[in-house]
Amino acid sequence: MNPKIQGWRNYYYTAYSGRKLAKLDWYILQRFTRWYARKRQRRGWMSSFREVKYLASQCGLKTLL
């Protein structure tokens, strides 16, 4: 996933694209969180968001900003 994220950043990053890239970062984390909640058979996906964010930072998932 990191090569894709880095490629998007290299292609779309401009001085004025911060807000759009932040929304895309949110979308990526949201999709990972929904997948993680389904995998762990949890009902609400938002309860897993903090855990997924921590795991993503520990595993070295890059961000667009």
PDB file of N, CA and C in Angstrom:
ATOM      1  N   MET A   1       0.811  -1.187   0.000  1.00  0.00           N
ATOM      2  CA  MET A   1       0.000   0.000   0.000  1.00  0.00           C
ATOM      3  C   MET A   1       0.862   1.263   0.000  1.00  0.00           C
ATOM      4  N   ASN A   2       2.016   1.210   0.645  1.00  0.00           N
ATOM      5  CA  ASN A   2       2.870   2.390   0.706  1.00  0.00           C
ATOM      6  C   ASN A   2       3.335   2.894  -0.663  1.00  0.00           C
ATOM      7  N   PRO A   3       3.703   2.005  -1.610  1.00  0.00           N
ATOM      8  CA  PRO A   3       4.085   2.525  -2.935  1.00  0.00           C
ATOM      9  C   PRO A   3       2.941   3.265  -3.637  1.00  0.00           C
ATOM     10  N   LYS A   4       1.713   2.781  -3.465  1.00  0.00           N
ATOM     11  CA  LYS A   4       0.565   3.467  -4.066  1.00  0.00           C
ATOM     12  C   LYS A   4       0.361   4.847  -3.442  1.00  0.00           C
ATOM     13  N   ILE A   5       0.423   4.897  -2.113  1.00  0.00           N
ATOM     14  CA  ILE A   5       0.232   6.166  -1.417  1.00  0.00           C
ATOM     15  C   ILE A   5       1.338   7.153  -1.805  1.00  0.00           C
ATOM     16  N   GLN A   6       2.571   6.694  -1.867  1.00  0.00           N
ATOM     17  CA  GLN A   6       3.685   7.562  -2.240  1.00  0.00           C
ATOM     18  C   GLN A   6       3.529   8.048  -3.681  1.00  0.00           C
ATOM     19  N   GLY A   7       3.064   7.191  -4.561  1.00  0.00           N
ATOM     20  CA  GLY A   7       2.831   7.591  -5.957  1.00  0.00           C
ATOM     21  C   GLY A   7       1.748   8.645  -6.066  1.00  0.00           C
ATOM     22  N   TRP A   8       0.655   8.474  -5.325  1.00  0.00           N
ATOM     23  CA  TRP A   8      -0.412   9.486  -5.323  1.00  0.00           C
ATOM     24  C   TRP A   8       0.117  10.813  -4.808  1.00  0.00           C
ATOM     25  N   ARG A   9       0.921  10.738  -3.745  1.00  0.00           N
ATOM     26  CA  ARG A   9       1.471  11.971  -3.164  1.00  0.00           C
ATOM     27  C   ARG A   9       2.372  12.680  -4.163  1.00  0.00           C
ATOM     28  N   ASN A  10       3.239  11.931  -4.821  1.00  0.00           N
ATOM     29  CA  ASN A  10       4.150  12.537  -5.794  1.00  0.00           C
ATOM     30  C   ASN A  10       3.395  13.155  -6.967  1.00  0.00           C
ATOM     31  N   TYR A  11       2.302  12.529  -7.387  1.00  0.00           N
ATOM     32  CA  TYR A  11       1.576  13.004  -8.559  1.00  0.00           C
ATOM     33  C   TYR A  11       0.651  14.168  -8.232  1.00  0.00           C
ATOM     34  N   TYR A  12      -0.065  14.108  -7.105  1.00  0.00           N
ATOM     35  CA  TYR A  12      -1.114  15.078  -6.820  1.00  0.00           C
ATOM     36  C   TYR A  12      -0.707  16.198  -5.866  1.00  0.00           C
ATOM     37  N   TYR A  13       0.447  16.129  -5.221  1.00  0.00           N
ATOM     38  CA  TYR A  13       0.801  17.117  -4.224  1.00  0.00           C
ATOM     39  C   TYR A  13       1.151  18.454  -4.864  1.00  0.00           C
ATOM     40  N   THR A  14       0.470  19.494  -4.396  1.00  0.00           N
ATOM     41  CA  THR A  14       0.809  20.873  -4.747  1.00  0.00           C
ATOM     42  C   THR A  14       0.739  21.674  -3.450  1.00  0.00           C
ATOM     43  N   ALA A  15       1.059  22.940  -3.549  1.00  0.00           N
ATOM     44  CA  ALA A  15       1.023  23.782  -2.354  1.00  0.00           C
ATOM     45  C   ALA A  15      -0.402  23.968  -1.837  1.00  0.00           C
ATOM     46  N   TYR A  16      -1.411  23.786  -2.685  1.00  0.00           N
ATOM     47  CA  TYR A  16      -2.800  24.055  -2.314  1.00  0.00           C
ATOM     48  C   TYR A  16      -3.653  22.789  -2.177  1.00  0.00           C
ATOM     49  N   SER A  17      -3.034  21.632  -2.184  1.00  0.00           N
ATOM     50  CA  SER A  17      -3.809  20.393  -2.175  1.00  0.00           C
ATOM     51  C   SER A  17      -3.924  19.752  -0.797  1.00  0.00           C
ATOM     52  N   GLY A  18      -3.532  20.432   0.249  1.00  0.00           N
ATOM     53  CA  GLY A  18      -3.507  19.852   1.591  1.00  0.00           C
ATOM     54  C   GLY A  18      -4.857  19.359   2.075  1.00  0.00           C
ATOM     55  N   ARG A  19      -5.904  20.126   1.836  1.00  0.00           N
ATOM     56  CA  ARG A  19      -7.239  19.747   2.311  1.00  0.00           C
ATOM     57  C   ARG A  19      -7.748  18.494   1.593  1.00  0.00           C
ATOM     58  N   LYS A  20      -7.533  18.424   0.303  1.00  0.00           N
ATOM     59  CA  LYS A  20      -7.977  17.248  -0.461  1.00  0.00           C
ATOM     60  C   LYS A  20      -7.189  15.999  -0.062  1.00  0.00           C
ATOM     61  N   LEU A  21      -5.891  16.155   0.150  1.00  0.00           N
ATOM     62  CA  LEU A  21      -5.082  15.010   0.549  1.00  0.00           C
ATOM     63  C   LEU A  21      -5.426  14.557   1.963  1.00  0.00           C
ATOM     64  N   ALA A  22      -5.805  15.480   2.829  1.00  0.00           N
ATOM     65  CA  ALA A  22      -6.238  15.107   4.181  1.00  0.00           C
ATOM     66  C   ALA A  22      -7.525  14.294   4.117  1.00  0.00           C
ATOM     67  N   LYS A  23      -8.430  14.659   3.223  1.00  0.00           N
ATOM     68  CA  LYS A  23      -9.667  13.886   3.047  1.00  0.00           C
ATOM     69  C   LYS A  23      -9.360  12.494   2.512  1.00  0.00           C
ATOM     70  N   LEU A  24      -8.395  12.395   1.628  1.00  0.00           N
ATOM     71  CA  LEU A  24      -8.007  11.092   1.092  1.00  0.00           C
ATOM     72  C   LEU A  24      -7.329  10.234   2.163  1.00  0.00           C
ATOM     73  N   ASP A  25      -6.523  10.849   3.028  1.00  0.00           N
ATOM     74  CA  ASP A  25      -5.945  10.127   4.167  1.00  0.00           C
ATOM     75  C   ASP A  25      -7.042   9.574   5.067  1.00  0.00           C
ATOM     76  N   TRP A  26      -8.055  10.398   5.346  1.00  0.00           N
ATOM     77  CA  TRP A  26      -9.176   9.966   6.172  1.00  0.00           C
ATOM     78  C   TRP A  26      -9.882   8.777   5.524  1.00  0.00           C
ATOM     79  N   TYR A  27     -10.079   8.844   4.203  1.00  0.00           N
ATOM     80  CA  TYR A  27     -10.758   7.762   3.489  1.00  0.00           C
ATOM     81  C   TYR A  27      -9.960   6.461   3.581  1.00  0.00           C
ATOM     82  N   ILE A  28      -8.649   6.530   3.428  1.00  0.00           N
ATOM     83  CA  ILE A  28      -7.807   5.339   3.503  1.00  0.00           C
ATOM     84  C   ILE A  28      -7.901   4.709   4.886  1.00  0.00           C
ATOM     85  N   LEU A  29      -7.782   5.522   5.940  1.00  0.00           N
ATOM     86  CA  LEU A  29      -7.886   4.996   7.305  1.00  0.00           C
ATOM     87  C   LEU A  29      -9.281   4.450   7.592  1.00  0.00           C
ATOM     88  N   GLN A  30     -10.303   5.103   7.055  1.00  0.00           N
ATOM     89  CA  GLN A  30     -11.676   4.639   7.245  1.00  0.00           C
ATOM     90  C   GLN A  30     -11.872   3.264   6.607  1.00  0.00           C
ATOM     91  N   ARG A  31     -11.362   3.064   5.414  1.00  0.00           N
ATOM     92  CA  ARG A  31     -11.516   1.773   4.736  1.00  0.00           C
ATOM     93  C   ARG A  31     -10.765   0.673   5.488  1.00  0.00           C
ATOM     94  N   PHE A  32      -9.551   0.977   5.966  1.00  0.00           N
ATOM     95  CA  PHE A  32      -8.813   0.009   6.767  1.00  0.00           C
ATOM     96  C   PHE A  32      -9.568  -0.326   8.051  1.00  0.00           C
ATOM     97  N   THR A  33     -10.157   0.678   8.676  1.00  0.00           N
ATOM     98  CA  THR A  33     -10.886   0.458   9.922  1.00  0.00           C
ATOM     99  C   THR A  33     -12.118  -0.401   9.690  1.00  0.00           C
ATOM    100  N   ARG A  34     -12.837  -0.140   8.617  1.00  0.00           N
ATOM    101  CA  ARG A  34     -14.013  -0.965   8.311  1.00  0.00           C
ATOM    102  C   ARG A  34     -13.611  -2.405   8.035  1.00  0.00           C
ATOM    103  N   TRP A  35     -12.513  -2.595   7.309  1.00  0.00           N
ATOM    104  CA  TRP A  35     -12.018  -3.951   7.047  1.00  0.00           C
ATOM    105  C   TRP A  35     -11.622  -4.644   8.346  1.00  0.00           C
ATOM    106  N   TYR A  36     -10.922  -3.916   9.211  1.00  0.00           N
ATOM    107  CA  TYR A  36     -10.468  -4.472  10.488  1.00  0.00           C
ATOM    108  C   TYR A  36     -11.655  -4.847  11.369  1.00  0.00           C
ATOM    109  N   ALA A  37     -12.674  -4.012  11.403  1.00  0.00           N
ATOM    110  CA  ALA A  37     -13.862  -4.298  12.220  1.00  0.00           C
ATOM    111  C   ALA A  37     -14.589  -5.542  11.691  1.00  0.00           C
ATOM    112  N   ARG A  38     -14.667  -5.665  10.369  1.00  0.00           N
ATOM    113  CA  ARG A  38     -15.295  -6.864   9.790  1.00  0.00           C
ATOM    114  C   ARG A  38     -14.485  -8.102  10.117  1.00  0.00           C
ATOM    115  N   LYS A  39     -13.169  -7.980  10.020  1.00  0.00           N
ATOM    116  CA  LYS A  39     -12.299  -9.118  10.297  1.00  0.00           C
ATOM    117  C   LYS A  39     -12.413  -9.562  11.752  1.00  0.00           C
ATOM    118  N   ARG A  40     -12.560  -8.621  12.669  1.00  0.00           N
ATOM    119  CA  ARG A  40     -12.682  -8.920  14.098  1.00  0.00           C
ATOM    120  C   ARG A  40     -14.123  -9.134  14.541  1.00  0.00           C
ATOM    121  N   GLN A  41     -15.039  -9.101  13.598  1.00  0.00           N
ATOM    122  CA  GLN A  41     -16.473  -9.304  13.830  1.00  0.00           C
ATOM    123  C   GLN A  41     -17.019  -8.317  14.865  1.00  0.00           C
ATOM    124  N   ARG A  42     -16.663  -7.072  14.680  1.00  0.00           N
ATOM    125  CA  ARG A  42     -17.163  -6.012  15.543  1.00  0.00           C
ATOM    126  C   ARG A  42     -18.289  -5.282  14.842  1.00  0.00           C
ATOM    127  N   ARG A  43     -19.252  -4.859  15.610  1.00  0.00           N
ATOM    128  CA  ARG A  43     -20.426  -4.227  15.042  1.00  0.00           C
ATOM    129  C   ARG A  43     -20.145  -2.810  14.553  1.00  0.00           C
ATOM    130  N   GLY A  44     -19.652  -1.957  15.427  1.00  0.00           N
ATOM    131  CA  GLY A  44     -19.366  -0.577  15.057  1.00  0.00           C
ATOM    132  C   GLY A  44     -17.928  -0.408  14.617  1.00  0.00           C
ATOM    133  N   TRP A  45     -17.724   0.188  13.483  1.00  0.00           N
ATOM    134  CA  TRP A  45     -16.368   0.315  12.973  1.00  0.00           C
ATOM    135  C   TRP A  45     -15.615   1.463  13.623  1.00  0.00           C
ATOM    136  N   MET A  46     -16.322   2.496  14.105  1.00  0.00           N
ATOM    137  CA  MET A  46     -15.634   3.644  14.701  1.00  0.00           C
ATOM    138  C   MET A  46     -14.919   3.280  15.998  1.00  0.00           C
ATOM    139  N   SER A  47     -15.384   2.262  16.685  1.00  0.00           N
ATOM    140  CA  SER A  47     -14.722   1.871  17.926  1.00  0.00           C
ATOM    141  C   SER A  47     -13.325   1.307  17.671  1.00  0.00           C
ATOM    142  N   SER A  48     -13.064   0.875  16.465  1.00  0.00           N
ATOM    143  CA  SER A  48     -11.753   0.311  16.112  1.00  0.00           C
ATOM    144  C   SER A  48     -10.811   1.344  15.513  1.00  0.00           C
ATOM    145  N   PHE A  49     -11.285   2.573  15.314  1.00  0.00           N
ATOM    146  CA  PHE A  49     -10.494   3.567  14.594  1.00  0.00           C
ATOM    147  C   PHE A  49      -9.177   3.883  15.289  1.00  0.00           C
ATOM    148  N   ARG A  50      -9.207   4.090  16.591  1.00  0.00           N
ATOM    149  CA  ARG A  50      -7.989   4.438  17.321  1.00  0.00           C
ATOM    150  C   ARG A  50      -6.971   3.303  17.252  1.00  0.00           C
ATOM    151  N   GLU A  51      -7.454   2.079  17.343  1.00  0.00           N
ATOM    152  CA  GLU A  51      -6.568   0.912  17.280  1.00  0.00           C
ATOM    153  C   GLU A  51      -5.921   0.794  15.903  1.00  0.00           C
ATOM    154  N   VAL A  52      -6.709   0.995  14.864  1.00  0.00           N
ATOM    155  CA  VAL A  52      -6.180   0.899  13.500  1.00  0.00           C
ATOM    156  C   VAL A  52      -5.184   2.026  13.230  1.00  0.00           C
ATOM    157  N   LYS A  53      -5.478   3.215  13.714  1.00  0.00           N
ATOM    158  CA  LYS A  53      -4.563   4.335  13.528  1.00  0.00           C
ATOM    159  C   LYS A  53      -3.220   4.048  14.208  1.00  0.00           C
ATOM    160  N   TYR A  54      -3.265   3.474  15.389  1.00  0.00           N
ATOM    161  CA  TYR A  54      -2.035   3.100  16.099  1.00  0.00           C
ATOM    162  C   TYR A  54      -1.275   2.020  15.331  1.00  0.00           C
ATOM    163  N   LEU A  55      -1.991   0.992  14.872  1.00  0.00           N
ATOM    164  CA  LEU A  55      -1.344  -0.094  14.126  1.00  0.00           C
ATOM    165  C   LEU A  55      -0.731   0.412  12.828  1.00  0.00           C
ATOM    166  N   ALA A  56      -1.421   1.321  12.151  1.00  0.00           N
ATOM    167  CA  ALA A  56      -0.909   1.867  10.897  1.00  0.00           C
ATOM    168  C   ALA A  56       0.377   2.647  11.135  1.00  0.00           C
ATOM    169  N   SER A  57       0.426   3.402  12.218  1.00  0.00           N
ATOM    170  CA  SER A  57       1.651   4.161  12.499  1.00  0.00           C
ATOM    171  C   SER A  57       2.788   3.234  12.913  1.00  0.00           C
ATOM    172  N   GLN A  58       2.490   2.168  13.653  1.00  0.00           N
ATOM    173  CA  GLN A  58       3.520   1.228  14.059  1.00  0.00           C
ATOM    174  C   GLN A  58       4.068   0.430  12.891  1.00  0.00           C
ATOM    175  N   CYS A  59       3.200   0.120  11.927  1.00  0.00           N
ATOM    176  CA  CYS A  59       3.640  -0.666  10.763  1.00  0.00           C
ATOM    177  C   CYS A  59       4.264   0.187   9.682  1.00  0.00           C
ATOM    178  N   GLY A  60       4.198   1.514   9.823  1.00  0.00           N
ATOM    179  CA  GLY A  60       4.852   2.390   8.862  1.00  0.00           C
ATOM    180  C   GLY A  60       4.022   2.778   7.663  1.00  0.00           C
ATOM    181  N   LEU A  61       2.709   2.800   7.813  1.00  0.00           N
ATOM    182  CA  LEU A  61       1.846   3.227   6.711  1.00  0.00           C
ATOM    183  C   LEU A  61       2.048   4.711   6.468  1.00  0.00           C
ATOM    184  N   LYS A  62       2.364   5.073   5.244  1.00  0.00           N
ATOM    185  CA  LYS A  62       2.627   6.472   4.905  1.00  0.00           C
ATOM    186  C   LYS A  62       1.308   7.230   4.785  1.00  0.00           C
ATOM    187  N   THR A  63       1.414   8.537   4.904  1.00  0.00           N
ATOM    188  CA  THR A  63       0.261   9.405   4.708  1.00  0.00           C
ATOM    189  C   THR A  63       0.535  10.323   3.514  1.00  0.00           C
ATOM    190  N   LEU A  64      -0.496  10.977   3.052  1.00  0.00           N
ATOM    191  CA  LEU A  64      -0.350  11.838   1.893  1.00  0.00           C
ATOM    192  C   LEU A  64       0.141  13.239   2.254  1.00  0.00           C
ATOM    193  N   LEU A  65       0.079  13.601   3.509  1.00  0.00           N
ATOM    194  CA  LEU A  65       0.517  14.949   3.901  1.00  0.00           C
ATOM    195  C   LEU A  65       1.922  14.995   4.383  1.00  0.00           C
TER     196      LEU A  65
END
